[in-house]
Amino acid sequence: TDATITVSRYGGQVLHYGVAKQSAVLWCNPPELLAQARQAGRAQRGGVPVCWPWFGAPVGAAKAAKGPSHGLARLRPWQVVHQQQTAASASVVLQHATHGDAPAFPYSTTATLEVLLTDRLTLTLTTHNRSSTPVAVSAGLHTYLRVGDGRRVTLHGLAGSPRTDLVTNQPLPALSGETVVEGETDWLCHQVSPTLRLTDPVLGRELSVGLIGTRSAVIWNPGALKAATLDIPADDWTRLVCLEAAVLPAVEIPAGETHVMGTWIHTKKL
């Protein structure tokens, strides 16, 4: 394959996905900001953060224990359990286990992330409930797509989907036709197309994001005002749009069972 990836053990996070003769497919903070985040025990911004075992604000035990936003996994080290590379593909498998001793998530589980690079990048997240009771898990693969100008891209595959504003937790009217991201956006969309597409006239390409094991997606951009409060370089909010495969609301995984969700990303020139 003529593509490259970079995967961080911290958070089990893909930080880079590049295809020859194209701009980087994923937006990511510069190395110095990533290093500062790791040193401070914060999430690395960019690439594909793994939001698990909950997505968004903590609820239940996680809320009572003041757990971090978007779960524990993106702040913890993952173990690399397998690596393989051939002329046509490369794969990395990482795992993160919980042992029931964290107040925010008192369950024994194992999260396994397979990162597979072929003609596209595919991420598959499998949760195995090793507890003796059911466990409720929500998840998201928080894909930061790099764009030329987020105010000029169009999104396809969201028309007719029920939508919730995750800032206000209020329902929004269903979208129709092509969608344009203008300013701060934080939508949860259900019953979306299994393949979402982003047309980028500035970089002259179309990015496709596939959903595995879910038909829900989060569309996110901080906008200028919120970006100024985050660890995002000035004006970089215009260079990113997040199209995220998400499992929301949480699913209940029976004792001893597994749940699988994932996403894939493909790029082609216009």
Protein backbone atom coordinates (compact mmCIF):
# COMPACT_ATOMS: atom_id res chain seq x y z
CA THR A 1 0.00 0.00 0.00
CA ASP A 2 1.15 3.58 -0.64
CA ALA A 3 -0.28 4.80 2.67
CA THR A 4 1.16 5.27 6.16
CA ILE A 5 -0.26 5.36 9.68
CA THR A 6 1.05 6.32 13.10
CA VAL A 7 -0.52 4.74 16.19
CA SER A 8 0.06 5.86 19.77
CA ARG A 9 -0.04 3.41 22.68
CA TYR A 10 -1.33 6.30 24.77
CA GLY A 11 -5.07 6.06 24.23
CA GLY A 12 -4.71 3.41 21.52
CA GLN A 13 -4.98 6.34 19.15
CA VAL A 14 -4.30 6.62 15.44
CA LEU A 15 -2.54 9.98 15.07
CA HIS A 16 -1.72 9.97 11.37
CA TYR A 17 -3.13 8.48 8.17
CA GLY A 18 -1.46 9.58 4.97
CA VAL A 19 -1.88 8.57 1.36
CA ALA A 20 0.86 9.21 -1.20
CA LYS A 21 0.54 12.46 -3.19
CA GLN A 22 -2.28 13.74 -0.96
CA SER A 23 -2.54 15.92 2.11
CA ALA A 24 -2.83 14.04 5.39
CA VAL A 25 -6.28 12.49 5.74
CA LEU A 26 -6.51 13.12 9.49
CA TRP A 27 -6.10 16.43 11.30
CA CYS A 28 -3.88 16.26 14.36
CA ASN A 29 -2.24 18.68 16.75
CA PRO A 30 1.51 19.27 16.30
CA PRO A 31 3.89 16.96 18.24
CA GLU A 32 4.64 19.50 20.97
CA LEU A 33 0.95 19.84 21.88
CA LEU A 34 0.50 16.06 21.82
CA ALA A 35 3.47 15.68 24.18
CA GLN A 36 2.08 18.31 26.53
CA ALA A 37 -1.27 16.49 26.63
CA ARG A 38 0.36 13.14 27.45
CA GLN A 39 2.53 14.66 30.16
CA ALA A 40 -0.51 16.30 31.75
CA GLY A 41 -2.62 13.13 31.53
CA ARG A 42 -5.01 14.76 29.06
CA ALA A 43 -6.35 13.43 25.78
CA GLN A 44 -4.29 13.89 22.63
CA ARG A 45 -6.32 16.03 20.25
CA GLY A 46 -6.56 14.79 16.69
CA GLY A 47 -6.37 11.59 14.70
CA VAL A 48 -8.92 9.08 15.96
CA PRO A 49 -9.35 9.18 19.75
CA VAL A 50 -11.11 6.13 21.23
CA CYS A 51 -14.04 7.27 23.40
CA TRP A 52 -14.75 4.27 25.67
CA PRO A 53 -16.41 2.93 27.83
CA TRP A 54 -18.63 5.98 27.60
CA PHE A 55 -19.02 8.75 25.06
CA GLY A 56 -19.57 12.36 26.10
CA ALA A 57 -20.33 13.36 29.66
CA PRO A 58 -20.02 10.64 32.33
CA VAL A 59 -23.22 9.05 33.62
CA GLY A 60 -24.07 6.70 36.49
CA ALA A 61 -21.02 5.47 38.40
CA ALA A 62 -18.74 7.50 36.12
CA LYS A 63 -20.58 10.70 36.99
CA ALA A 64 -20.57 9.92 40.71
CA ALA A 65 -16.82 9.28 40.56
CA LYS A 66 -16.25 12.43 38.48
CA GLY A 67 -14.94 10.39 35.56
CA PRO A 68 -13.42 12.21 32.58
CA SER A 69 -15.39 13.24 29.52
CA HIS A 70 -15.39 10.60 26.76
CA GLY A 71 -14.27 7.77 29.01
CA LEU A 72 -11.10 6.28 30.41
CA ALA A 73 -9.49 4.64 27.39
CA ARG A 74 -8.10 7.72 25.67
CA LEU A 75 -6.17 8.61 28.84
CA ARG A 76 -4.66 5.16 29.46
CA PRO A 77 -1.82 3.15 27.93
CA TRP A 78 -2.86 0.33 25.59
CA GLN A 79 -0.89 -2.85 25.01
CA VAL A 80 0.19 -3.80 21.50
CA VAL A 81 -0.71 -7.49 21.13
CA HIS A 82 -0.11 -8.00 17.41
CA GLN A 83 1.57 -6.32 14.45
CA GLN A 84 1.82 -7.47 10.86
CA GLN A 85 2.88 -5.92 7.58
CA THR A 86 2.79 -7.16 4.00
CA ALA A 87 3.20 -5.48 0.63
CA ALA A 88 -0.56 -4.84 0.49
CA SER A 89 -1.53 -4.20 4.12
CA ALA A 90 -0.46 -3.41 7.66
CA SER A 91 -2.26 -4.09 10.92
CA VAL A 92 -1.85 -3.34 14.60
CA VAL A 93 -3.99 -4.80 17.40
CA LEU A 94 -4.10 -3.05 20.78
CA GLN A 95 -5.89 -3.92 24.00
CA HIS A 96 -6.94 -2.12 27.14
CA ALA A 97 -8.39 -4.02 30.10
CA THR A 98 -10.39 -2.85 33.10
CA HIS A 99 -10.43 -4.96 36.25
CA GLY A 100 -13.39 -3.66 38.23
CA ASP A 101 -11.24 -1.51 40.52
CA ALA A 102 -11.98 1.90 38.95
CA PRO A 103 -14.80 3.75 40.78
CA ALA A 104 -15.92 5.30 37.49
CA PHE A 105 -16.24 1.90 35.78
CA PRO A 106 -16.39 -0.98 38.29
CA TYR A 107 -16.45 -3.78 35.70
CA SER A 108 -14.01 -6.26 34.22
CA THR A 109 -13.83 -5.79 30.46
CA THR A 110 -11.35 -5.84 27.60
CA ALA A 111 -11.39 -3.39 24.72
CA THR A 112 -9.58 -4.59 21.59
CA LEU A 113 -8.83 -2.18 18.75
CA GLU A 114 -7.75 -3.56 15.39
CA VAL A 115 -6.19 -0.97 13.07
CA LEU A 116 -6.01 -2.25 9.50
CA LEU A 117 -4.46 -0.37 6.58
CA THR A 118 -5.29 -1.52 3.04
CA ASP A 119 -6.74 0.74 0.35
CA ARG A 120 -8.48 2.38 3.31
CA LEU A 121 -8.04 2.70 7.07
CA THR A 122 -10.34 0.44 9.10
CA LEU A 123 -10.71 0.54 12.89
CA THR A 124 -12.67 -2.16 14.69
CA LEU A 125 -13.38 -1.83 18.42
CA THR A 126 -14.50 -4.99 20.25
CA THR A 127 -15.66 -4.87 23.87
CA HIS A 128 -15.61 -8.15 25.81
CA ASN A 129 -17.57 -8.16 29.05
CA ARG A 130 -15.59 -10.34 31.48
CA SER A 131 -17.89 -9.43 34.38
CA SER A 132 -20.57 -11.69 35.84
CA THR A 133 -23.25 -9.04 35.25
CA PRO A 134 -24.36 -7.04 32.18
CA VAL A 135 -22.35 -3.90 31.44
CA ALA A 136 -23.64 -0.77 29.68
CA VAL A 137 -21.10 0.67 27.24
CA SER A 138 -21.23 3.57 24.80
CA ALA A 139 -18.37 4.35 22.46
CA GLY A 140 -17.14 6.59 19.70
CA LEU A 141 -14.26 6.72 17.24
CA HIS A 142 -13.73 10.48 17.22
CA THR A 143 -12.40 10.83 13.66
CA TYR A 144 -10.81 14.21 12.95
CA LEU A 145 -10.78 14.66 9.17
CA ARG A 146 -8.38 17.19 7.71
CA VAL A 147 -10.06 19.58 5.29
CA GLY A 148 -9.01 22.61 3.28
CA ASP A 149 -11.73 24.82 4.75
CA GLY A 150 -14.50 23.32 6.88
CA ARG A 151 -16.87 26.14 5.90
CA ARG A 152 -16.71 25.01 2.27
CA VAL A 153 -17.07 21.24 2.57
CA THR A 154 -20.37 19.44 2.03
CA LEU A 155 -21.53 16.30 3.84
CA HIS A 156 -23.63 13.56 2.27
CA GLY A 157 -25.54 10.70 3.89
CA LEU A 158 -27.31 12.58 6.67
CA ALA A 159 -30.56 13.54 4.93
CA GLY A 160 -33.67 12.60 6.88
CA SER A 161 -31.76 11.46 9.96
CA PRO A 162 -33.18 12.26 13.42
CA ARG A 163 -30.81 14.71 15.05
CA THR A 164 -29.95 15.91 18.57
CA ASP A 165 -27.86 18.93 19.56
CA LEU A 166 -25.36 17.48 22.08
CA VAL A 167 -24.65 20.94 23.55
CA THR A 168 -28.28 21.63 24.48
CA ASN A 169 -29.52 17.99 24.39
CA GLN A 170 -32.46 19.25 22.32
CA PRO A 171 -33.85 17.66 19.14
CA LEU A 172 -33.13 19.41 15.86
CA PRO A 173 -35.00 19.25 12.54
CA ALA A 174 -33.87 16.48 10.20
CA LEU A 175 -31.39 17.56 7.54
CA SER A 176 -32.24 17.55 3.87
CA GLY A 177 -29.82 17.02 0.97
CA GLU A 178 -26.24 18.19 1.24
CA THR A 179 -25.11 19.54 4.62
CA VAL A 180 -22.73 22.41 5.28
CA VAL A 181 -20.94 22.84 8.63
CA GLU A 182 -21.09 26.47 9.69
CA GLY A 183 -19.51 27.40 13.01
CA GLU A 184 -19.84 25.32 16.18
CA THR A 185 -21.51 21.99 15.43
CA ASP A 186 -22.16 19.06 17.79
CA TRP A 187 -24.87 16.79 16.41
CA LEU A 188 -25.82 13.22 17.14
CA CYS A 189 -27.53 11.78 14.06
CA HIS A 190 -29.34 8.43 14.00
CA GLN A 191 -30.31 6.18 11.09
CA VAL A 192 -27.68 7.74 8.86
CA SER A 193 -26.33 6.16 5.70
CA PRO A 194 -23.75 3.43 6.46
CA THR A 195 -21.32 5.45 4.33
CA LEU A 196 -20.96 9.20 4.91
CA ARG A 197 -19.13 11.32 2.37
CA LEU A 198 -17.36 14.66 2.67
CA THR A 199 -16.63 16.66 -0.48
CA ASP A 200 -13.67 19.02 -0.10
CA PRO A 201 -13.28 21.45 -3.03
CA VAL A 202 -10.20 23.14 -1.52
CA LEU A 203 -8.10 19.96 -1.25
CA GLY A 204 -9.83 18.47 -4.31
CA ARG A 205 -10.86 15.17 -2.76
CA GLU A 206 -13.76 13.19 -1.34
CA LEU A 207 -13.44 11.47 2.01
CA SER A 208 -15.73 8.56 2.83
CA VAL A 209 -16.40 7.41 6.39
CA GLY A 210 -18.08 4.04 6.88
CA LEU A 211 -19.95 2.92 9.98
CA ILE A 212 -19.55 -0.61 11.36
CA GLY A 213 -22.05 -2.02 13.88
CA THR A 214 -23.94 1.26 14.24
CA ARG A 215 -26.04 3.68 12.22
CA SER A 216 -25.36 6.64 14.52
CA ALA A 217 -22.79 9.35 13.90
CA VAL A 218 -21.57 12.50 15.60
CA ILE A 219 -20.67 15.54 13.52
CA TRP A 220 -18.43 17.99 15.39
CA ASN A 221 -16.59 21.22 14.81
CA PRO A 222 -15.74 23.59 17.68
CA GLY A 223 -16.20 26.85 15.76
CA ALA A 224 -13.98 29.85 16.41
CA LEU A 225 -15.12 30.76 19.94
CA LYS A 226 -14.92 27.27 21.45
CA ALA A 227 -11.69 26.47 19.60
CA ALA A 228 -10.06 29.44 21.34
CA THR A 229 -10.70 27.68 24.68
CA LEU A 230 -9.23 24.36 23.51
CA ASP A 231 -5.71 23.21 22.66
CA ILE A 232 -6.25 23.92 18.96
CA PRO A 233 -3.82 26.21 17.12
CA ALA A 234 -5.30 29.50 15.89
CA ASP A 235 -7.60 29.07 12.87
CA ASP A 236 -7.10 25.30 12.79
CA TRP A 237 -10.80 24.85 13.58
CA THR A 238 -11.38 25.63 9.89
CA ARG A 239 -9.09 22.72 8.92
CA LEU A 240 -11.02 19.94 10.66
CA VAL A 241 -14.41 18.28 10.58
CA CYS A 242 -15.20 15.27 12.77
CA LEU A 243 -17.40 12.50 11.37
CA GLU A 244 -17.58 9.94 14.15
CA ALA A 245 -19.03 6.45 14.30
CA ALA A 246 -20.81 6.36 17.66
CA VAL A 247 -22.74 3.95 19.86
CA LEU A 248 -25.26 6.19 21.60
CA PRO A 249 -27.25 5.54 23.69
CA ALA A 250 -25.26 2.87 25.52
CA VAL A 251 -25.73 -0.80 24.69
CA GLU A 252 -25.97 -3.48 27.37
CA ILE A 253 -23.46 -6.28 26.90
CA PRO A 254 -24.46 -9.52 28.68
CA ALA A 255 -21.94 -11.26 30.92
CA GLY A 256 -19.32 -13.06 28.87
CA GLU A 257 -20.50 -11.51 25.57
CA THR A 258 -18.90 -9.05 23.15
CA HIS A 259 -19.94 -5.97 21.20
CA VAL A 260 -18.32 -4.78 17.97
CA MET A 261 -18.36 -1.34 16.36
CA GLY A 262 -16.00 0.45 14.06
CA THR A 263 -15.33 2.80 11.20
CA TRP A 264 -13.38 3.00 7.97
CA ILE A 265 -11.97 5.96 6.04
CA HIS A 266 -11.25 6.15 2.32
CA THR A 267 -10.03 9.03 0.19
CA LYS A 268 -10.18 9.70 -3.51
CA LYS A 269 -9.38 12.70 -5.68
CA LEU A 270 -12.20 14.71 -7.21
